[in-house]
């Protein structure tokens, strides 16, 4: 008696799907000139600022565009580097917050 086993197929996730899923949750906006990491957490619509592993600041955006936080840090401290997904994340955030809701 022969038994045929079929391999379980895993869902193939494209790079674009992975990117969208990542941006739907959170991403690193960047590191300022004082070495603090600014991380955007979308479910809370907030920026969390870390000094290493220590929480330095939590800023609820309350619907304000993330680009306003980016501009604020640019004026106060400056940016040393931007996160890999920052430019795309800023664009997605702007589109999401500026799109009229029905």
PDB file of N, CA and C in Angstrom:
ATOM      1  N   UNK A   1       0.841  -1.157   0.000  1.00  0.00           N
ATOM      2  CA  UNK A   1       0.000   0.000   0.000  1.00  0.00           C
ATOM      3  C   UNK A   1       0.897   1.233   0.000  1.00  0.00           C
ATOM      4  N   UNK A   2       0.612   2.119  -0.889  1.00  0.00           N
ATOM      5  CA  UNK A   2       1.418   3.315  -1.054  1.00  0.00           C
ATOM      6  C   UNK A   2       0.663   4.536  -0.515  1.00  0.00           C
ATOM      7  N   UNK A   3       1.387   5.382   0.202  1.00  0.00           N
ATOM      8  CA  UNK A   3       0.793   6.616   0.724  1.00  0.00           C
ATOM      9  C   UNK A   3       1.532   7.791   0.117  1.00  0.00           C
ATOM     10  N   UNK A   4       0.783   8.717  -0.401  1.00  0.00           N
ATOM     11  CA  UNK A   4       1.383   9.908  -0.992  1.00  0.00           C
ATOM     12  C   UNK A   4       1.278  11.050   0.001  1.00  0.00           C
ATOM     13  N   UNK A   5       2.402  11.635   0.297  1.00  0.00           N
ATOM     14  CA  UNK A   5       2.432  12.788   1.196  1.00  0.00           C
ATOM     15  C   UNK A   5       2.658  14.039   0.367  1.00  0.00           C
ATOM     16  N   UNK A   6       1.841  15.008   0.606  1.00  0.00           N
ATOM     17  CA  UNK A   6       2.041  16.273  -0.091  1.00  0.00           C
ATOM     18  C   UNK A   6       2.676  17.262   0.877  1.00  0.00           C
ATOM     19  N   UNK A   7       3.590  17.993   0.373  1.00  0.00           N
ATOM     20  CA  UNK A   7       4.255  18.996   1.204  1.00  0.00           C
ATOM     21  C   UNK A   7       3.291  20.152   1.464  1.00  0.00           C
ATOM     22  N   UNK A   8       3.346  20.649   2.661  1.00  0.00           N
ATOM     23  CA  UNK A   8       2.543  21.808   3.010  1.00  0.00           C
ATOM     24  C   UNK A   8       3.119  23.019   2.297  1.00  0.00           C
ATOM     25  N   UNK A   9       2.264  23.728   1.622  1.00  0.00           N
ATOM     26  CA  UNK A   9       2.738  24.900   0.901  1.00  0.00           C
ATOM     27  C   UNK A   9       2.621  26.120   1.788  1.00  0.00           C
ATOM     28  N   UNK A  10       3.729  26.845   1.901  1.00  0.00           N
ATOM     29  CA  UNK A  10       3.720  28.091   2.645  1.00  0.00           C
ATOM     30  C   UNK A  10       3.349  29.210   1.687  1.00  0.00           C
ATOM     31  N   UNK A  11       2.636  30.179   2.196  1.00  0.00           N
ATOM     32  CA  UNK A  11       2.254  31.318   1.387  1.00  0.00           C
ATOM     33  C   UNK A  11       3.509  32.109   1.026  1.00  0.00           C
ATOM     34  N   UNK A  12       3.666  32.360  -0.225  1.00  0.00           N
ATOM     35  CA  UNK A  12       4.801  33.145  -0.686  1.00  0.00           C
ATOM     36  C   UNK A  12       4.459  34.620  -0.514  1.00  0.00           C
ATOM     37  N   UNK A  13       5.318  35.321   0.198  1.00  0.00           N
ATOM     38  CA  UNK A  13       5.101  36.742   0.447  1.00  0.00           C
ATOM     39  C   UNK A  13       6.129  37.522  -0.363  1.00  0.00           C
ATOM     40  N   UNK A  14       5.634  38.429  -1.159  1.00  0.00           N
ATOM     41  CA  UNK A  14       6.535  39.220  -1.982  1.00  0.00           C
ATOM     42  C   UNK A  14       7.244  40.262  -1.122  1.00  0.00           C
ATOM     43  N   UNK A  15       8.306  40.802  -1.657  1.00  0.00           N
ATOM     44  CA  UNK A  15       9.044  41.858  -0.971  1.00  0.00           C
ATOM     45  C   UNK A  15       8.136  43.069  -0.752  1.00  0.00           C
ATOM     46  N   UNK A  16       7.301  43.372  -1.726  1.00  0.00           N
ATOM     47  CA  UNK A  16       6.370  44.502  -1.584  1.00  0.00           C
ATOM     48  C   UNK A  16       5.395  44.250  -0.439  1.00  0.00           C
ATOM     49  N   UNK A  17       4.879  43.021  -0.317  1.00  0.00           N
ATOM     50  CA  UNK A  17       3.976  42.679   0.785  1.00  0.00           C
ATOM     51  C   UNK A  17       4.676  42.839   2.125  1.00  0.00           C
ATOM     52  N   UNK A  18       5.921  42.382   2.198  1.00  0.00           N
ATOM     53  CA  UNK A  18       6.681  42.507   3.445  1.00  0.00           C
ATOM     54  C   UNK A  18       6.889  43.970   3.813  1.00  0.00           C
ATOM     55  N   UNK A  19       7.183  44.780   2.829  1.00  0.00           N
ATOM     56  CA  UNK A  19       7.396  46.203   3.053  1.00  0.00           C
ATOM     57  C   UNK A  19       6.120  46.874   3.551  1.00  0.00           C
ATOM     58  N   UNK A  20       5.007  46.568   2.922  1.00  0.00           N
ATOM     59  CA  UNK A  20       3.720  47.150   3.329  1.00  0.00           C
ATOM     60  C   UNK A  20       3.365  46.706   4.744  1.00  0.00           C
ATOM     61  N   UNK A  21       3.584  45.433   5.060  1.00  0.00           N
ATOM     62  CA  UNK A  21       3.292  44.941   6.403  1.00  0.00           C
ATOM     63  C   UNK A  21       4.162  45.629   7.448  1.00  0.00           C
ATOM     64  N   UNK A  22       5.416  45.863   7.119  1.00  0.00           N
ATOM     65  CA  UNK A  22       6.326  46.544   8.040  1.00  0.00           C
ATOM     66  C   UNK A  22       5.865  47.974   8.267  1.00  0.00           C
ATOM     67  N   UNK A  23       5.556  48.673   7.204  1.00  0.00           N
ATOM     68  CA  UNK A  23       5.116  50.063   7.325  1.00  0.00           C
ATOM     69  C   UNK A  23       3.773  50.176   8.036  1.00  0.00           C
ATOM     70  N   UNK A  24       2.973  49.125   7.979  1.00  0.00           N
ATOM     71  CA  UNK A  24       1.677  49.148   8.657  1.00  0.00           C
ATOM     72  C   UNK A  24       1.844  49.121  10.168  1.00  0.00           C
ATOM     73  N   UNK A  25       3.001  48.652  10.638  1.00  0.00           N
ATOM     74  CA  UNK A  25       3.229  48.554  12.080  1.00  0.00           C
ATOM     75  C   UNK A  25       4.164  49.641  12.595  1.00  0.00           C
ATOM     76  N   UNK A  26       5.355  49.688  12.086  1.00  0.00           N
ATOM     77  CA  UNK A  26       6.326  50.648  12.599  1.00  0.00           C
ATOM     78  C   UNK A  26       7.582  50.662  11.734  1.00  0.00           C
ATOM     79  N   UNK A  27       8.374  51.721  11.907  1.00  0.00           N
ATOM     80  CA  UNK A  27       9.663  51.796  11.218  1.00  0.00           C
ATOM     81  C   UNK A  27      10.512  52.860  11.909  1.00  0.00           C
ATOM     82  N   UNK A  28      11.815  52.769  11.705  1.00  0.00           N
ATOM     83  CA  UNK A  28      12.738  53.750  12.265  1.00  0.00           C
ATOM     84  C   UNK A  28      12.774  54.964  11.348  1.00  0.00           C
ATOM     85  N   UNK A  29      12.444  56.111  11.912  1.00  0.00           N
ATOM     86  CA  UNK A  29      12.490  57.352  11.148  1.00  0.00           C
ATOM     87  C   UNK A  29      13.941  57.773  10.941  1.00  0.00           C
ATOM     88  N   UNK A  30      14.746  57.687  12.001  1.00  0.00           N
ATOM     89  CA  UNK A  30      16.147  58.033  11.849  1.00  0.00           C
ATOM     90  C   UNK A  30      16.845  58.232  13.178  1.00  0.00           C
ATOM     91  N   UNK A  31      18.099  58.639  13.090  1.00  0.00           N
ATOM     92  CA  UNK A  31      18.923  58.912  14.264  1.00  0.00           C
ATOM     93  C   UNK A  31      19.337  60.375  14.189  1.00  0.00           C
ATOM     94  N   UNK A  32      19.061  61.106  15.274  1.00  0.00           N
ATOM     95  CA  UNK A  32      19.404  62.532  15.272  1.00  0.00           C
ATOM     96  C   UNK A  32      20.888  62.725  15.574  1.00  0.00           C
ATOM     97  N   UNK A  33      21.345  63.971  15.505  1.00  0.00           N
ATOM     98  CA  UNK A  33      22.771  64.261  15.675  1.00  0.00           C
ATOM     99  C   UNK A  33      23.269  64.032  17.100  1.00  0.00           C
ATOM    100  N   UNK A  34      22.350  63.861  18.046  1.00  0.00           N
ATOM    101  CA  UNK A  34      22.751  63.555  19.424  1.00  0.00           C
ATOM    102  C   UNK A  34      22.753  62.051  19.693  1.00  0.00           C
ATOM    103  N   UNK A  35      22.445  61.251  18.653  1.00  0.00           N
ATOM    104  CA  UNK A  35      22.490  59.798  18.776  1.00  0.00           C
ATOM    105  C   UNK A  35      21.190  59.148  19.225  1.00  0.00           C
ATOM    106  N   UNK A  36      20.103  59.893  19.288  1.00  0.00           N
ATOM    107  CA  UNK A  36      18.811  59.342  19.695  1.00  0.00           C
ATOM    108  C   UNK A  36      18.096  58.757  18.481  1.00  0.00           C
ATOM    109  N   UNK A  37      17.502  57.581  18.655  1.00  0.00           N
ATOM    110  CA  UNK A  37      16.766  56.915  17.591  1.00  0.00           C
ATOM    111  C   UNK A  37      15.292  57.275  17.689  1.00  0.00           C
ATOM    112  N   UNK A  38      14.722  57.702  16.573  1.00  0.00           N
ATOM    113  CA  UNK A  38      13.310  58.072  16.499  1.00  0.00           C
ATOM    114  C   UNK A  38      12.595  56.979  15.721  1.00  0.00           C
ATOM    115  N   UNK A  39      11.629  56.336  16.389  1.00  0.00           N
ATOM    116  CA  UNK A  39      10.923  55.203  15.800  1.00  0.00           C
ATOM    117  C   UNK A  39       9.430  55.516  15.766  1.00  0.00           C
ATOM    118  N   UNK A  40       8.815  55.359  14.590  1.00  0.00           N
ATOM    119  CA  UNK A  40       7.383  55.607  14.449  1.00  0.00           C
ATOM    120  C   UNK A  40       6.622  54.314  14.684  1.00  0.00           C
ATOM    121  N   UNK A  41       5.629  54.358  15.583  1.00  0.00           N
ATOM    122  CA  UNK A  41       4.775  53.209  15.893  1.00  0.00           C
ATOM    123  C   UNK A  41       3.369  53.552  15.438  1.00  0.00           C
ATOM    124  N   UNK A  42       2.986  53.017  14.284  1.00  0.00           N
ATOM    125  CA  UNK A  42       1.728  53.409  13.650  1.00  0.00           C
ATOM    126  C   UNK A  42       0.480  53.058  14.452  1.00  0.00           C
ATOM    127  N   UNK A  43       0.373  51.873  15.082  1.00  0.00           N
ATOM    128  CA  UNK A  43      -0.866  51.582  15.823  1.00  0.00           C
ATOM    129  C   UNK A  43      -1.200  52.646  16.875  1.00  0.00           C
ATOM    130  N   UNK A  44      -0.193  53.306  17.432  1.00  0.00           N
ATOM    131  CA  UNK A  44      -0.420  54.367  18.424  1.00  0.00           C
ATOM    132  C   UNK A  44      -0.316  55.752  17.789  1.00  0.00           C
ATOM    133  N   UNK A  45       0.051  55.818  16.519  1.00  0.00           N
ATOM    134  CA  UNK A  45       0.321  57.079  15.821  1.00  0.00           C
ATOM    135  C   UNK A  45       1.237  57.946  16.686  1.00  0.00           C
ATOM    136  N   UNK A  46       2.394  57.363  17.015  1.00  0.00           N
ATOM    137  CA  UNK A  46       3.313  58.037  17.933  1.00  0.00           C
ATOM    138  C   UNK A  46       4.760  57.795  17.528  1.00  0.00           C
ATOM    139  N   UNK A  47       5.606  58.733  17.941  1.00  0.00           N
ATOM    140  CA  UNK A  47       7.048  58.589  17.780  1.00  0.00           C
ATOM    141  C   UNK A  47       7.628  58.275  19.152  1.00  0.00           C
ATOM    142  N   UNK A  48       8.481  57.270  19.185  1.00  0.00           N
ATOM    143  CA  UNK A  48       9.164  56.889  20.409  1.00  0.00           C
ATOM    144  C   UNK A  48      10.646  57.179  20.188  1.00  0.00           C
ATOM    145  N   UNK A  49      11.244  57.912  21.113  1.00  0.00           N
ATOM    146  CA  UNK A  49      12.648  58.307  20.984  1.00  0.00           C
ATOM    147  C   UNK A  49      13.450  57.561  22.039  1.00  0.00           C
ATOM    148  N   UNK A  50      14.494  56.867  21.581  1.00  0.00           N
ATOM    149  CA  UNK A  50      15.328  56.058  22.462  1.00  0.00           C
ATOM    150  C   UNK A  50      16.754  56.559  22.482  1.00  0.00           C
ATOM    151  N   UNK A  51      17.371  56.446  23.645  1.00  0.00           N
ATOM    152  CA  UNK A  51      18.802  56.651  23.804  1.00  0.00           C
ATOM    153  C   UNK A  51      19.359  55.280  24.147  1.00  0.00           C
ATOM    154  N   UNK A  52      19.786  54.564  23.119  1.00  0.00           N
ATOM    155  CA  UNK A  52      20.172  53.169  23.336  1.00  0.00           C
ATOM    156  C   UNK A  52      18.922  52.353  23.625  1.00  0.00           C
ATOM    157  N   UNK A  53      18.831  51.793  24.829  1.00  0.00           N
ATOM    158  CA  UNK A  53      17.651  51.026  25.224  1.00  0.00           C
ATOM    159  C   UNK A  53      16.731  51.804  26.156  1.00  0.00           C
ATOM    160  N   UNK A  54      17.101  53.024  26.475  1.00  0.00           N
ATOM    161  CA  UNK A  54      16.348  53.843  27.414  1.00  0.00           C
ATOM    162  C   UNK A  54      15.371  54.745  26.667  1.00  0.00           C
ATOM    163  N   UNK A  55      14.118  54.730  27.101  1.00  0.00           N
ATOM    164  CA  UNK A  55      13.111  55.603  26.513  1.00  0.00           C
ATOM    165  C   UNK A  55      13.410  57.047  26.906  1.00  0.00           C
ATOM    166  N   UNK A  56      13.533  57.906  25.912  1.00  0.00           N
ATOM    167  CA  UNK A  56      13.800  59.317  26.162  1.00  0.00           C
ATOM    168  C   UNK A  56      12.527  60.149  26.040  1.00  0.00           C
ATOM    169  N   UNK A  57      11.699  59.830  25.048  1.00  0.00           N
ATOM    170  CA  UNK A  57      10.528  60.660  24.796  1.00  0.00           C
ATOM    171  C   UNK A  57       9.485  59.859  24.025  1.00  0.00           C
ATOM    172  N   UNK A  58       8.216  60.153  24.303  1.00  0.00           N
ATOM    173  CA  UNK A  58       7.083  59.580  23.573  1.00  0.00           C
ATOM    174  C   UNK A  58       6.249  60.747  23.090  1.00  0.00           C
ATOM    175  N   UNK A  59       6.019  60.822  21.794  1.00  0.00           N
ATOM    176  CA  UNK A  59       5.239  61.920  21.220  1.00  0.00           C
ATOM    177  C   UNK A  59       4.054  61.360  20.443  1.00  0.00           C
ATOM    178  N   UNK A  60       2.857  61.522  20.993  1.00  0.00           N
ATOM    179  CA  UNK A  60       1.637  61.133  20.287  1.00  0.00           C
ATOM    180  C   UNK A  60       1.380  62.158  19.194  1.00  0.00           C
ATOM    181  N   UNK A  61       1.238  61.702  17.963  1.00  0.00           N
ATOM    182  CA  UNK A  61       1.012  62.625  16.857  1.00  0.00           C
ATOM    183  C   UNK A  61      -0.454  63.026  16.740  1.00  0.00           C
ATOM    184  N   UNK A  62      -1.340  62.195  17.214  1.00  0.00           N
ATOM    185  CA  UNK A  62      -2.784  62.509  17.229  1.00  0.00           C
ATOM    186  C   UNK A  62      -3.291  62.980  15.869  1.00  0.00           C
ATOM    187  N   UNK A  63      -2.861  62.298  14.824  1.00  0.00           N
ATOM    188  CA  UNK A  63      -3.320  62.621  13.479  1.00  0.00           C
ATOM    189  C   UNK A  63      -2.459  63.614  12.721  1.00  0.00           C
ATOM    190  N   UNK A  64      -1.502  64.241  13.400  1.00  0.00           N
ATOM    191  CA  UNK A  64      -0.589  65.165  12.703  1.00  0.00           C
ATOM    192  C   UNK A  64       0.336  64.356  11.807  1.00  0.00           C
ATOM    193  N   UNK A  65       0.725  64.908  10.671  1.00  0.00           N
ATOM    194  CA  UNK A  65       1.641  64.188   9.779  1.00  0.00           C
ATOM    195  C   UNK A  65       3.008  63.959  10.435  1.00  0.00           C
ATOM    196  N   UNK A  66       3.566  62.816  10.188  1.00  0.00           N
ATOM    197  CA  UNK A  66       4.886  62.468  10.706  1.00  0.00           C
ATOM    198  C   UNK A  66       5.957  63.435  10.196  1.00  0.00           C
ATOM    199  N   UNK A  67       5.749  63.997   9.025  1.00  0.00           N
ATOM    200  CA  UNK A  67       6.738  64.940   8.464  1.00  0.00           C
ATOM    201  C   UNK A  67       6.914  66.158   9.370  1.00  0.00           C
ATOM    202  N   UNK A  68       5.879  66.495  10.164  1.00  0.00           N
ATOM    203  CA  UNK A  68       6.013  67.610  11.108  1.00  0.00           C
ATOM    204  C   UNK A  68       7.026  67.277  12.200  1.00  0.00           C
ATOM    205  N   UNK A  69       7.033  66.026  12.670  1.00  0.00           N
ATOM    206  CA  UNK A  69       8.022  65.603  13.672  1.00  0.00           C
ATOM    207  C   UNK A  69       9.412  65.633  13.044  1.00  0.00           C
ATOM    208  N   UNK A  70       9.507  65.165  11.815  1.00  0.00           N
ATOM    209  CA  UNK A  70      10.791  65.160  11.117  1.00  0.00           C
ATOM    210  C   UNK A  70      11.328  66.595  11.011  1.00  0.00           C
ATOM    211  N   UNK A  71      10.471  67.542  10.653  1.00  0.00           N
ATOM    212  CA  UNK A  71      10.882  68.947  10.534  1.00  0.00           C
ATOM    213  C   UNK A  71      11.269  69.526  11.894  1.00  0.00           C
ATOM    214  N   UNK A  72      10.537  69.173  12.946  1.00  0.00           N
ATOM    215  CA  UNK A  72      10.840  69.641  14.298  1.00  0.00           C
ATOM    216  C   UNK A  72      12.237  69.182  14.725  1.00  0.00           C
ATOM    217  N   UNK A  73      12.535  67.909  14.511  1.00  0.00           N
ATOM    218  CA  UNK A  73      13.854  67.379  14.882  1.00  0.00           C
ATOM    219  C   UNK A  73      14.935  68.029  14.020  1.00  0.00           C
ATOM    220  N   UNK A  74      14.634  68.281  12.753  1.00  0.00           N
ATOM    221  CA  UNK A  74      15.602  68.944  11.870  1.00  0.00           C
ATOM    222  C   UNK A  74      16.013  70.294  12.433  1.00  0.00           C
ATOM    223  N   UNK A  75      15.053  71.032  12.974  1.00  0.00           N
ATOM    224  CA  UNK A  75      15.329  72.363  13.519  1.00  0.00           C
ATOM    225  C   UNK A  75      16.009  72.302  14.884  1.00  0.00           C
ATOM    226  N   UNK A  76      15.597  71.373  15.743  1.00  0.00           N
ATOM    227  CA  UNK A  76      16.097  71.317  17.125  1.00  0.00           C
ATOM    228  C   UNK A  76      17.441  70.615  17.261  1.00  0.00           C
ATOM    229  N   UNK A  77      17.603  69.496  16.581  1.00  0.00           N
ATOM    230  CA  UNK A  77      18.808  68.675  16.749  1.00  0.00           C
ATOM    231  C   UNK A  77      19.507  68.387  15.435  1.00  0.00           C
ATOM    232  N   UNK A  78      18.744  68.217  14.386  1.00  0.00           N
ATOM    233  CA  UNK A  78      19.290  67.783  13.110  1.00  0.00           C
ATOM    234  C   UNK A  78      19.304  66.262  13.030  1.00  0.00           C
ATOM    235  N   UNK A  79      19.414  65.760  11.833  1.00  0.00           N
ATOM    236  CA  UNK A  79      19.435  64.315  11.604  1.00  0.00           C
ATOM    237  C   UNK A  79      20.836  63.871  11.216  1.00  0.00           C
ATOM    238  N   UNK A  80      21.280  62.779  11.827  1.00  0.00           N
ATOM    239  CA  UNK A  80      22.548  62.163  11.455  1.00  0.00           C
ATOM    240  C   UNK A  80      22.323  61.196  10.299  1.00  0.00           C
ATOM    241  N   UNK A  81      21.237  60.431  10.384  1.00  0.00           N
ATOM    242  CA  UNK A  81      20.889  59.496   9.318  1.00  0.00           C
ATOM    243  C   UNK A  81      19.399  59.194   9.374  1.00  0.00           C
ATOM    244  N   UNK A  82      18.864  58.802   8.237  1.00  0.00           N
ATOM    245  CA  UNK A  82      17.453  58.433   8.160  1.00  0.00           C
ATOM    246  C   UNK A  82      17.350  56.912   8.079  1.00  0.00           C
ATOM    247  N   UNK A  83      16.258  56.371   8.589  1.00  0.00           N
ATOM    248  CA  UNK A  83      16.023  54.933   8.524  1.00  0.00           C
ATOM    249  C   UNK A  83      15.817  54.480   7.091  1.00  0.00           C
ATOM    250  N   UNK A  84      16.031  53.192   6.842  1.00  0.00           N
ATOM    251  CA  UNK A  84      15.919  52.654   5.488  1.00  0.00           C
ATOM    252  C   UNK A  84      14.530  52.847   4.897  1.00  0.00           C
ATOM    253  N   UNK A  85      13.500  52.785   5.723  1.00  0.00           N
ATOM    254  CA  UNK A  85      12.127  52.906   5.234  1.00  0.00           C
ATOM    255  C   UNK A  85      11.527  54.285   5.489  1.00  0.00           C
ATOM    256  N   UNK A  86      12.328  55.216   5.972  1.00  0.00           N
ATOM    257  CA  UNK A  86      11.809  56.521   6.383  1.00  0.00           C
ATOM    258  C   UNK A  86      11.130  57.286   5.250  1.00  0.00           C
ATOM    259  N   UNK A  87      11.766  57.383   4.111  1.00  0.00           N
ATOM    260  CA  UNK A  87      11.203  58.181   3.018  1.00  0.00           C
ATOM    261  C   UNK A  87       9.875  57.588   2.542  1.00  0.00           C
ATOM    262  N   UNK A  88       9.829  56.294   2.394  1.00  0.00           N
ATOM    263  CA  UNK A  88       8.594  55.643   1.990  1.00  0.00           C
ATOM    264  C   UNK A  88       7.549  55.739   3.105  1.00  0.00           C
ATOM    265  N   UNK A  89       7.976  55.542   4.340  1.00  0.00           N
ATOM    266  CA  UNK A  89       7.060  55.634   5.472  1.00  0.00           C
ATOM    267  C   UNK A  89       6.457  57.018   5.621  1.00  0.00           C
ATOM    268  N   UNK A  90       7.247  58.047   5.409  1.00  0.00           N
ATOM    269  CA  UNK A  90       6.743  59.420   5.457  1.00  0.00           C
ATOM    270  C   UNK A  90       5.691  59.650   4.374  1.00  0.00           C
ATOM    271  N   UNK A  91       5.949  59.124   3.199  1.00  0.00           N
ATOM    272  CA  UNK A  91       4.993  59.283   2.096  1.00  0.00           C
ATOM    273  C   UNK A  91       3.688  58.552   2.401  1.00  0.00           C
ATOM    274  N   UNK A  92       3.782  57.321   2.895  1.00  0.00           N
ATOM    275  CA  UNK A  92       2.591  56.544   3.239  1.00  0.00           C
ATOM    276  C   UNK A  92       1.808  57.239   4.344  1.00  0.00           C
ATOM    277  N   UNK A  93       2.508  57.753   5.347  1.00  0.00           N
ATOM    278  CA  UNK A  93       1.845  58.455   6.449  1.00  0.00           C
ATOM    279  C   UNK A  93       1.113  59.688   5.937  1.00  0.00           C
ATOM    280  N   UNK A  94       1.753  60.465   5.081  1.00  0.00           N
ATOM    281  CA  UNK A  94       1.127  61.667   4.523  1.00  0.00           C
ATOM    282  C   UNK A  94      -0.113  61.308   3.719  1.00  0.00           C
ATOM    283  N   UNK A  95       0.006  60.310   2.853  1.00  0.00           N
ATOM    284  CA  UNK A  95      -1.141  59.898   2.037  1.00  0.00           C
ATOM    285  C   UNK A  95      -2.291  59.404   2.911  1.00  0.00           C
ATOM    286  N   UNK A  96      -1.976  58.649   3.933  1.00  0.00           N
ATOM    287  CA  UNK A  96      -3.002  58.088   4.814  1.00  0.00           C
ATOM    288  C   UNK A  96      -3.724  59.183   5.591  1.00  0.00           C
ATOM    289  N   UNK A  97      -2.971  60.159   6.062  1.00  0.00           N
ATOM    290  CA  UNK A  97      -3.567  61.200   6.892  1.00  0.00           C
ATOM    291  C   UNK A  97      -4.218  62.319   6.099  1.00  0.00           C
ATOM    292  N   UNK A  98      -3.837  62.484   4.839  1.00  0.00           N
ATOM    293  CA  UNK A  98      -4.412  63.554   4.034  1.00  0.00           C
ATOM    294  C   UNK A  98      -5.542  63.084   3.129  1.00  0.00           C
ATOM    295  N   UNK A  99      -5.781  61.787   3.066  1.00  0.00           N
ATOM    296  CA  UNK A  99      -6.861  61.256   2.246  1.00  0.00           C
ATOM    297  C   UNK A  99      -8.188  61.473   2.964  1.00  0.00           C
ATOM    298  N   UNK A 100      -9.127  62.169   2.316  1.00  0.00           N
ATOM    299  CA  UNK A 100     -10.426  62.390   2.969  1.00  0.00           C
ATOM    300  C   UNK A 100     -11.142  61.058   3.222  1.00  0.00           C
ATOM    301  N   UNK A 101     -11.749  60.967   4.379  1.00  0.00           N
ATOM    302  CA  UNK A 101     -12.479  59.742   4.725  1.00  0.00           C
ATOM    303  C   UNK A 101     -13.960  59.956   4.458  1.00  0.00           C
ATOM    304  N   UNK A 102     -14.567  58.946   3.908  1.00  0.00           N
ATOM    305  CA  UNK A 102     -15.998  59.041   3.591  1.00  0.00           C
ATOM    306  C   UNK A 102     -16.865  58.813   4.805  1.00  0.00           C
TER     307      UNK A 102
END
